[in-house]
Amino acid sequence: MRKGMTAKLNIDKCFTSASGGKRQFPAGTRFDDERGIFCTYRPLTEREVAEWYESPASKGMTSSGETKLPPTCVRVEVHANDTFTVLRGRCTVWLGYRKTGGMTEVRVSSSAEKTYIKRDMVIPA
């Protein structure tokens, strides 16, 4: 994958045999697999983190008595028929509290949202 290329999901690696792929078990939930949805993730923006701090969800303590930490990434649902524009062919990204390598940064054509997908999960369109 190179920057500027058009790509799509590799159906064989993303979905189970019941949904047209070759996986034995779903990559996410069975419900998403049956609907043809593949879940990807992207880091939160500074604006989204600031909004979380202002929301009621950030107030108070956890069940163990510690302050709540903000979420670090957001789930982005990608449909099996979506196409992408590759923004970065090879990259690493902080998802959760760890660095994840082997990723591709793409822009989903249907929603214009940027997200990260494992490189082996996408193929040229």
N, C-alpha and C. Protein backbone atom coordinates (compact mmCIF):
# COMPACT_ATOMS: atom_id res chain seq x y z
N MET A 1 0.83 -1.18 0.00
CA MET A 1 0.00 0.00 0.00
C MET A 1 0.88 1.25 0.00
N ARG A 2 0.51 2.17 -0.83
CA ARG A 2 1.22 3.44 -0.89
C ARG A 2 0.24 4.59 -0.71
N LYS A 3 0.77 5.71 -0.27
CA LYS A 3 -0.03 6.90 -0.06
C LYS A 3 -0.75 7.28 -1.34
N GLY A 4 -2.06 7.59 -1.21
CA GLY A 4 -2.87 8.00 -2.36
C GLY A 4 -3.59 6.87 -3.06
N MET A 5 -3.26 5.62 -2.77
CA MET A 5 -3.92 4.48 -3.42
C MET A 5 -5.35 4.33 -2.90
N THR A 6 -6.18 3.69 -3.69
CA THR A 6 -7.53 3.31 -3.26
C THR A 6 -7.45 1.87 -2.79
N ALA A 7 -8.07 1.59 -1.64
CA ALA A 7 -8.03 0.25 -1.06
C ALA A 7 -9.42 -0.15 -0.61
N LYS A 8 -9.55 -1.44 -0.28
CA LYS A 8 -10.79 -1.98 0.27
C LYS A 8 -10.42 -3.07 1.27
N LEU A 9 -11.42 -3.52 2.02
CA LEU A 9 -11.17 -4.58 3.00
C LEU A 9 -10.85 -5.89 2.31
N ASN A 10 -9.95 -6.66 2.90
CA ASN A 10 -9.66 -8.01 2.45
C ASN A 10 -10.72 -8.92 3.10
N ILE A 11 -11.76 -9.23 2.36
CA ILE A 11 -12.91 -9.97 2.91
C ILE A 11 -12.48 -11.30 3.53
N ASP A 12 -11.52 -11.98 2.90
CA ASP A 12 -11.07 -13.28 3.40
C ASP A 12 -10.51 -13.19 4.81
N LYS A 13 -9.78 -12.12 5.12
CA LYS A 13 -9.15 -11.99 6.43
C LYS A 13 -10.01 -11.25 7.45
N CYS A 14 -11.05 -10.57 7.00
CA CYS A 14 -11.85 -9.76 7.92
C CYS A 14 -13.13 -10.45 8.40
N PHE A 15 -13.65 -11.41 7.63
CA PHE A 15 -14.96 -11.99 7.95
C PHE A 15 -14.90 -13.51 7.97
N THR A 16 -15.86 -14.11 8.68
CA THR A 16 -15.93 -15.56 8.78
C THR A 16 -16.48 -16.18 7.51
N SER A 17 -16.41 -17.49 7.42
CA SER A 17 -16.91 -18.19 6.22
C SER A 17 -18.41 -18.00 6.06
N ALA A 18 -19.14 -17.82 7.15
CA ALA A 18 -20.59 -17.59 7.06
C ALA A 18 -20.90 -16.23 6.43
N SER A 19 -19.95 -15.31 6.48
CA SER A 19 -20.15 -13.97 5.93
C SER A 19 -19.36 -13.74 4.65
N GLY A 20 -18.82 -14.81 4.07
CA GLY A 20 -18.12 -14.69 2.79
C GLY A 20 -16.61 -14.65 2.89
N GLY A 21 -16.05 -14.73 4.09
CA GLY A 21 -14.61 -14.70 4.26
C GLY A 21 -14.05 -16.07 4.52
N LYS A 22 -12.85 -16.12 5.09
CA LYS A 22 -12.20 -17.40 5.37
C LYS A 22 -11.78 -17.55 6.83
N ARG A 23 -12.22 -16.64 7.70
CA ARG A 23 -11.87 -16.74 9.12
C ARG A 23 -12.74 -17.81 9.79
N GLN A 24 -12.17 -18.47 10.78
CA GLN A 24 -12.95 -19.44 11.55
C GLN A 24 -13.78 -18.72 12.61
N PHE A 25 -13.20 -17.69 13.22
CA PHE A 25 -13.88 -16.92 14.25
C PHE A 25 -13.92 -15.45 13.83
N PRO A 26 -14.95 -14.72 14.24
CA PRO A 26 -15.05 -13.31 13.83
C PRO A 26 -13.91 -12.46 14.41
N ALA A 27 -13.52 -11.43 13.68
CA ALA A 27 -12.47 -10.51 14.13
C ALA A 27 -13.00 -9.63 15.27
N GLY A 28 -14.28 -9.34 15.27
CA GLY A 28 -14.91 -8.55 16.32
C GLY A 28 -16.01 -9.36 16.96
N THR A 29 -17.23 -8.85 16.90
CA THR A 29 -18.37 -9.59 17.43
C THR A 29 -19.07 -10.34 16.31
N ARG A 30 -19.80 -11.36 16.67
CA ARG A 30 -20.55 -12.14 15.68
C ARG A 30 -21.62 -11.27 15.02
N PHE A 31 -22.23 -10.38 15.79
CA PHE A 31 -23.25 -9.48 15.26
C PHE A 31 -22.68 -8.58 14.16
N ASP A 32 -21.50 -7.99 14.40
CA ASP A 32 -20.86 -7.16 13.39
C ASP A 32 -20.48 -7.98 12.16
N ASP A 33 -20.00 -9.19 12.39
CA ASP A 33 -19.61 -10.06 11.28
C ASP A 33 -20.80 -10.38 10.39
N GLU A 34 -21.94 -10.66 10.99
CA GLU A 34 -23.14 -10.98 10.21
C GLU A 34 -23.65 -9.77 9.42
N ARG A 35 -23.44 -8.55 9.95
CA ARG A 35 -23.87 -7.34 9.26
C ARG A 35 -22.86 -6.85 8.24
N GLY A 36 -21.68 -7.48 8.16
CA GLY A 36 -20.65 -7.04 7.24
C GLY A 36 -19.92 -5.80 7.73
N ILE A 37 -19.78 -5.68 9.04
CA ILE A 37 -19.11 -4.53 9.65
C ILE A 37 -17.77 -4.99 10.22
N PHE A 38 -16.72 -4.25 9.89
CA PHE A 38 -15.39 -4.50 10.46
C PHE A 38 -15.03 -3.28 11.30
N CYS A 39 -14.62 -3.50 12.54
CA CYS A 39 -14.35 -2.38 13.45
C CYS A 39 -12.87 -2.01 13.42
N THR A 40 -12.63 -0.73 13.25
CA THR A 40 -11.29 -0.17 13.30
C THR A 40 -11.27 0.88 14.40
N TYR A 41 -10.10 1.41 14.70
CA TYR A 41 -9.99 2.37 15.79
C TYR A 41 -9.12 3.55 15.37
N ARG A 42 -9.37 4.68 16.02
CA ARG A 42 -8.55 5.87 15.83
C ARG A 42 -8.40 6.55 17.18
N PRO A 43 -7.27 7.27 17.38
CA PRO A 43 -7.10 8.00 18.63
C PRO A 43 -8.09 9.16 18.74
N LEU A 44 -8.42 9.53 19.96
CA LEU A 44 -9.28 10.69 20.18
C LEU A 44 -8.51 11.98 19.88
N THR A 45 -9.22 12.97 19.41
CA THR A 45 -8.62 14.29 19.21
C THR A 45 -8.60 15.03 20.55
N GLU A 46 -7.83 16.11 20.60
CA GLU A 46 -7.77 16.91 21.83
C GLU A 46 -9.14 17.48 22.16
N ARG A 47 -9.91 17.86 21.15
CA ARG A 47 -11.24 18.41 21.36
C ARG A 47 -12.16 17.36 21.99
N GLU A 48 -12.08 16.12 21.51
CA GLU A 48 -12.92 15.05 22.06
C GLU A 48 -12.56 14.73 23.51
N VAL A 49 -11.27 14.79 23.83
CA VAL A 49 -10.84 14.55 25.22
C VAL A 49 -11.34 15.69 26.11
N ALA A 50 -11.26 16.93 25.63
CA ALA A 50 -11.75 18.08 26.41
C ALA A 50 -13.26 17.95 26.64
N GLU A 51 -14.01 17.51 25.63
CA GLU A 51 -15.45 17.31 25.79
C GLU A 51 -15.73 16.23 26.82
N TRP A 52 -14.91 15.17 26.85
CA TRP A 52 -15.11 14.10 27.83
C TRP A 52 -14.91 14.64 29.24
N TYR A 53 -13.87 15.46 29.43
CA TYR A 53 -13.61 16.02 30.76
C TYR A 53 -14.76 16.90 31.23
N GLU A 54 -15.47 17.56 30.31
CA GLU A 54 -16.60 18.41 30.67
C GLU A 54 -17.90 17.62 30.87
N SER A 55 -17.94 16.37 30.43
CA SER A 55 -19.16 15.57 30.52
C SER A 55 -19.32 14.97 31.92
N PRO A 56 -20.55 14.56 32.27
CA PRO A 56 -20.78 13.93 33.57
C PRO A 56 -20.07 12.58 33.72
N ALA A 57 -19.72 11.92 32.61
CA ALA A 57 -19.05 10.62 32.68
C ALA A 57 -17.67 10.71 33.32
N SER A 58 -17.04 11.88 33.28
CA SER A 58 -15.69 12.02 33.82
C SER A 58 -15.67 12.33 35.31
N LYS A 59 -16.80 12.66 35.86
CA LYS A 59 -16.87 13.07 37.27
C LYS A 59 -16.87 11.85 38.19
N GLY A 60 -16.36 12.03 39.37
CA GLY A 60 -16.40 10.97 40.37
C GLY A 60 -15.19 10.06 40.32
N MET A 61 -15.34 8.92 40.94
CA MET A 61 -14.26 7.94 41.07
C MET A 61 -14.69 6.61 40.47
N THR A 62 -13.71 5.75 40.19
CA THR A 62 -14.01 4.40 39.73
C THR A 62 -14.40 3.55 40.93
N SER A 63 -14.75 2.30 40.72
CA SER A 63 -15.15 1.41 41.81
C SER A 63 -14.00 1.14 42.78
N SER A 64 -12.76 1.34 42.32
CA SER A 64 -11.62 1.12 43.21
C SER A 64 -11.15 2.41 43.89
N GLY A 65 -11.92 3.51 43.71
CA GLY A 65 -11.61 4.75 44.40
C GLY A 65 -10.58 5.63 43.71
N GLU A 66 -10.26 5.34 42.44
CA GLU A 66 -9.30 6.15 41.70
C GLU A 66 -10.03 7.09 40.76
N THR A 67 -9.35 8.15 40.35
CA THR A 67 -9.96 9.08 39.40
C THR A 67 -10.09 8.40 38.04
N LYS A 68 -11.08 8.84 37.29
CA LYS A 68 -11.34 8.23 35.99
C LYS A 68 -10.37 8.76 34.94
N LEU A 69 -9.88 7.87 34.08
CA LEU A 69 -9.02 8.26 32.97
C LEU A 69 -9.87 8.43 31.72
N PRO A 70 -9.51 9.37 30.86
CA PRO A 70 -10.29 9.57 29.63
C PRO A 70 -10.06 8.42 28.66
N PRO A 71 -11.02 8.15 27.79
CA PRO A 71 -10.79 7.15 26.75
C PRO A 71 -9.69 7.65 25.81
N THR A 72 -8.98 6.74 25.19
CA THR A 72 -7.88 7.14 24.31
C THR A 72 -8.16 6.87 22.85
N CYS A 73 -9.13 6.02 22.55
CA CYS A 73 -9.42 5.73 21.14
C CYS A 73 -10.93 5.55 20.94
N VAL A 74 -11.33 5.66 19.69
CA VAL A 74 -12.73 5.58 19.30
C VAL A 74 -12.89 4.48 18.25
N ARG A 75 -13.96 3.74 18.35
CA ARG A 75 -14.27 2.68 17.39
C ARG A 75 -14.90 3.30 16.14
N VAL A 76 -14.42 2.88 14.97
CA VAL A 76 -14.96 3.33 13.69
C VAL A 76 -15.45 2.09 12.94
N GLU A 77 -16.73 2.05 12.62
CA GLU A 77 -17.29 0.91 11.91
C GLU A 77 -17.10 1.10 10.40
N VAL A 78 -16.54 0.08 9.76
CA VAL A 78 -16.30 0.11 8.32
C VAL A 78 -17.11 -1.01 7.70
N HIS A 79 -17.89 -0.70 6.66
CA HIS A 79 -18.69 -1.71 5.98
C HIS A 79 -17.83 -2.47 4.98
N ALA A 80 -18.21 -3.70 4.70
CA ALA A 80 -17.43 -4.56 3.80
C ALA A 80 -17.28 -3.97 2.40
N ASN A 81 -18.23 -3.15 1.96
CA ASN A 81 -18.17 -2.58 0.61
C ASN A 81 -17.51 -1.22 0.54
N ASP A 82 -17.07 -0.67 1.69
CA ASP A 82 -16.45 0.65 1.70
C ASP A 82 -15.10 0.63 1.00
N THR A 83 -14.74 1.76 0.42
CA THR A 83 -13.41 1.93 -0.15
C THR A 83 -12.70 3.01 0.66
N PHE A 84 -11.38 2.99 0.59
CA PHE A 84 -10.56 3.89 1.38
C PHE A 84 -9.53 4.57 0.49
N THR A 85 -9.08 5.71 0.95
CA THR A 85 -7.91 6.37 0.37
C THR A 85 -6.80 6.22 1.40
N VAL A 86 -5.67 5.67 0.98
CA VAL A 86 -4.56 5.45 1.89
C VAL A 86 -3.86 6.78 2.16
N LEU A 87 -3.77 7.15 3.44
CA LEU A 87 -3.08 8.37 3.84
C LEU A 87 -1.63 8.09 4.23
N ARG A 88 -1.41 7.00 4.92
CA ARG A 88 -0.06 6.52 5.25
C ARG A 88 -0.06 5.01 5.11
N GLY A 89 0.83 4.49 4.29
CA GLY A 89 0.87 3.06 4.02
C GLY A 89 1.42 2.23 5.17
N ARG A 90 2.40 2.77 5.88
CA ARG A 90 3.03 2.05 6.99
C ARG A 90 3.15 3.01 8.16
N CYS A 91 2.55 2.67 9.29
CA CYS A 91 2.64 3.55 10.44
C CYS A 91 2.40 2.79 11.73
N THR A 92 2.74 3.42 12.83
CA THR A 92 2.40 2.93 14.16
C THR A 92 1.53 3.99 14.81
N VAL A 93 0.67 3.57 15.72
CA VAL A 93 -0.27 4.50 16.34
C VAL A 93 -0.50 4.07 17.79
N TRP A 94 -0.72 5.06 18.65
CA TRP A 94 -1.06 4.78 20.04
C TRP A 94 -2.55 4.50 20.12
N LEU A 95 -2.91 3.25 20.37
CA LEU A 95 -4.31 2.84 20.58
C LEU A 95 -4.39 2.26 21.98
N GLY A 96 -5.28 2.79 22.77
CA GLY A 96 -5.29 2.41 24.17
C GLY A 96 -4.09 3.06 24.82
N TYR A 97 -3.34 2.30 25.59
CA TYR A 97 -2.15 2.84 26.23
C TYR A 97 -0.90 2.14 25.72
N ARG A 98 -0.94 1.65 24.49
CA ARG A 98 0.24 1.03 23.91
C ARG A 98 0.37 1.39 22.44
N LYS A 99 1.57 1.26 21.94
CA LYS A 99 1.87 1.57 20.56
C LYS A 99 1.62 0.32 19.72
N THR A 100 0.85 0.46 18.64
CA THR A 100 0.50 -0.66 17.78
C THR A 100 1.12 -0.44 16.41
N GLY A 101 1.92 -1.38 15.97
CA GLY A 101 2.58 -1.28 14.67
C GLY A 101 1.85 -2.08 13.60
N GLY A 102 2.34 -2.00 12.38
CA GLY A 102 1.76 -2.75 11.27
C GLY A 102 0.44 -2.20 10.80
N MET A 103 0.26 -0.89 10.94
CA MET A 103 -1.02 -0.27 10.60
C MET A 103 -0.93 0.54 9.32
N THR A 104 -2.09 0.83 8.76
CA THR A 104 -2.26 1.71 7.61
C THR A 104 -3.29 2.76 8.00
N GLU A 105 -2.99 4.03 7.75
CA GLU A 105 -3.95 5.10 8.02
C GLU A 105 -4.75 5.33 6.74
N VAL A 106 -6.07 5.26 6.86
CA VAL A 106 -6.94 5.42 5.68
C VAL A 106 -8.04 6.42 5.98
N ARG A 107 -8.62 6.96 4.91
CA ARG A 107 -9.81 7.80 5.01
C ARG A 107 -10.94 7.01 4.36
N VAL A 108 -12.00 6.77 5.11
CA VAL A 108 -13.16 6.03 4.61
C VAL A 108 -13.92 6.92 3.64
N SER A 109 -14.16 6.43 2.43
CA SER A 109 -14.79 7.25 1.40
C SER A 109 -16.23 7.64 1.74
N SER A 110 -16.97 6.74 2.37
CA SER A 110 -18.38 7.02 2.65
C SER A 110 -18.58 8.04 3.77
N SER A 111 -17.69 8.06 4.77
CA SER A 111 -17.88 8.96 5.91
C SER A 111 -16.80 10.03 6.02
N ALA A 112 -15.75 9.96 5.22
CA ALA A 112 -14.62 10.89 5.24
C ALA A 112 -13.92 10.91 6.59
N GLU A 113 -14.01 9.82 7.35
CA GLU A 113 -13.37 9.73 8.66
C GLU A 113 -12.04 9.01 8.52
N LYS A 114 -11.01 9.49 9.23
CA LYS A 114 -9.71 8.83 9.24
C LYS A 114 -9.72 7.74 10.29
N THR A 115 -9.09 6.61 9.96
CA THR A 115 -8.99 5.49 10.89
C THR A 115 -7.74 4.69 10.57
N TYR A 116 -7.43 3.73 11.44
CA TYR A 116 -6.25 2.88 11.27
C TYR A 116 -6.70 1.43 11.14
N ILE A 117 -6.10 0.72 10.18
CA ILE A 117 -6.42 -0.69 9.94
C ILE A 117 -5.10 -1.43 9.82
N LYS A 118 -5.06 -2.67 10.32
CA LYS A 118 -3.88 -3.51 10.13
C LYS A 118 -3.62 -3.65 8.63
N ARG A 119 -2.34 -3.61 8.25
CA ARG A 119 -1.99 -3.64 6.83
C ARG A 119 -2.49 -4.89 6.11
N ASP A 120 -2.50 -6.03 6.79
CA ASP A 120 -2.92 -7.25 6.11
C ASP A 120 -4.44 -7.35 5.95
N MET A 121 -5.19 -6.42 6.52
CA MET A 121 -6.64 -6.43 6.41
C MET A 121 -7.15 -5.63 5.20
N VAL A 122 -6.29 -4.94 4.48
CA VAL A 122 -6.70 -4.16 3.32
C VAL A 122 -5.91 -4.61 2.09
N ILE A 123 -6.56 -4.48 0.93
CA ILE A 123 -5.95 -4.81 -0.35
C ILE A 123 -6.23 -3.67 -1.33
N PRO A 124 -5.44 -3.54 -2.38
CA PRO A 124 -5.73 -2.50 -3.37
C PRO A 124 -7.08 -2.73 -4.03
N ALA A 125 -7.79 -1.65 -4.31
CA ALA A 125 -9.14 -1.76 -4.92
C ALA A 125 -9.03 -1.90 -6.43
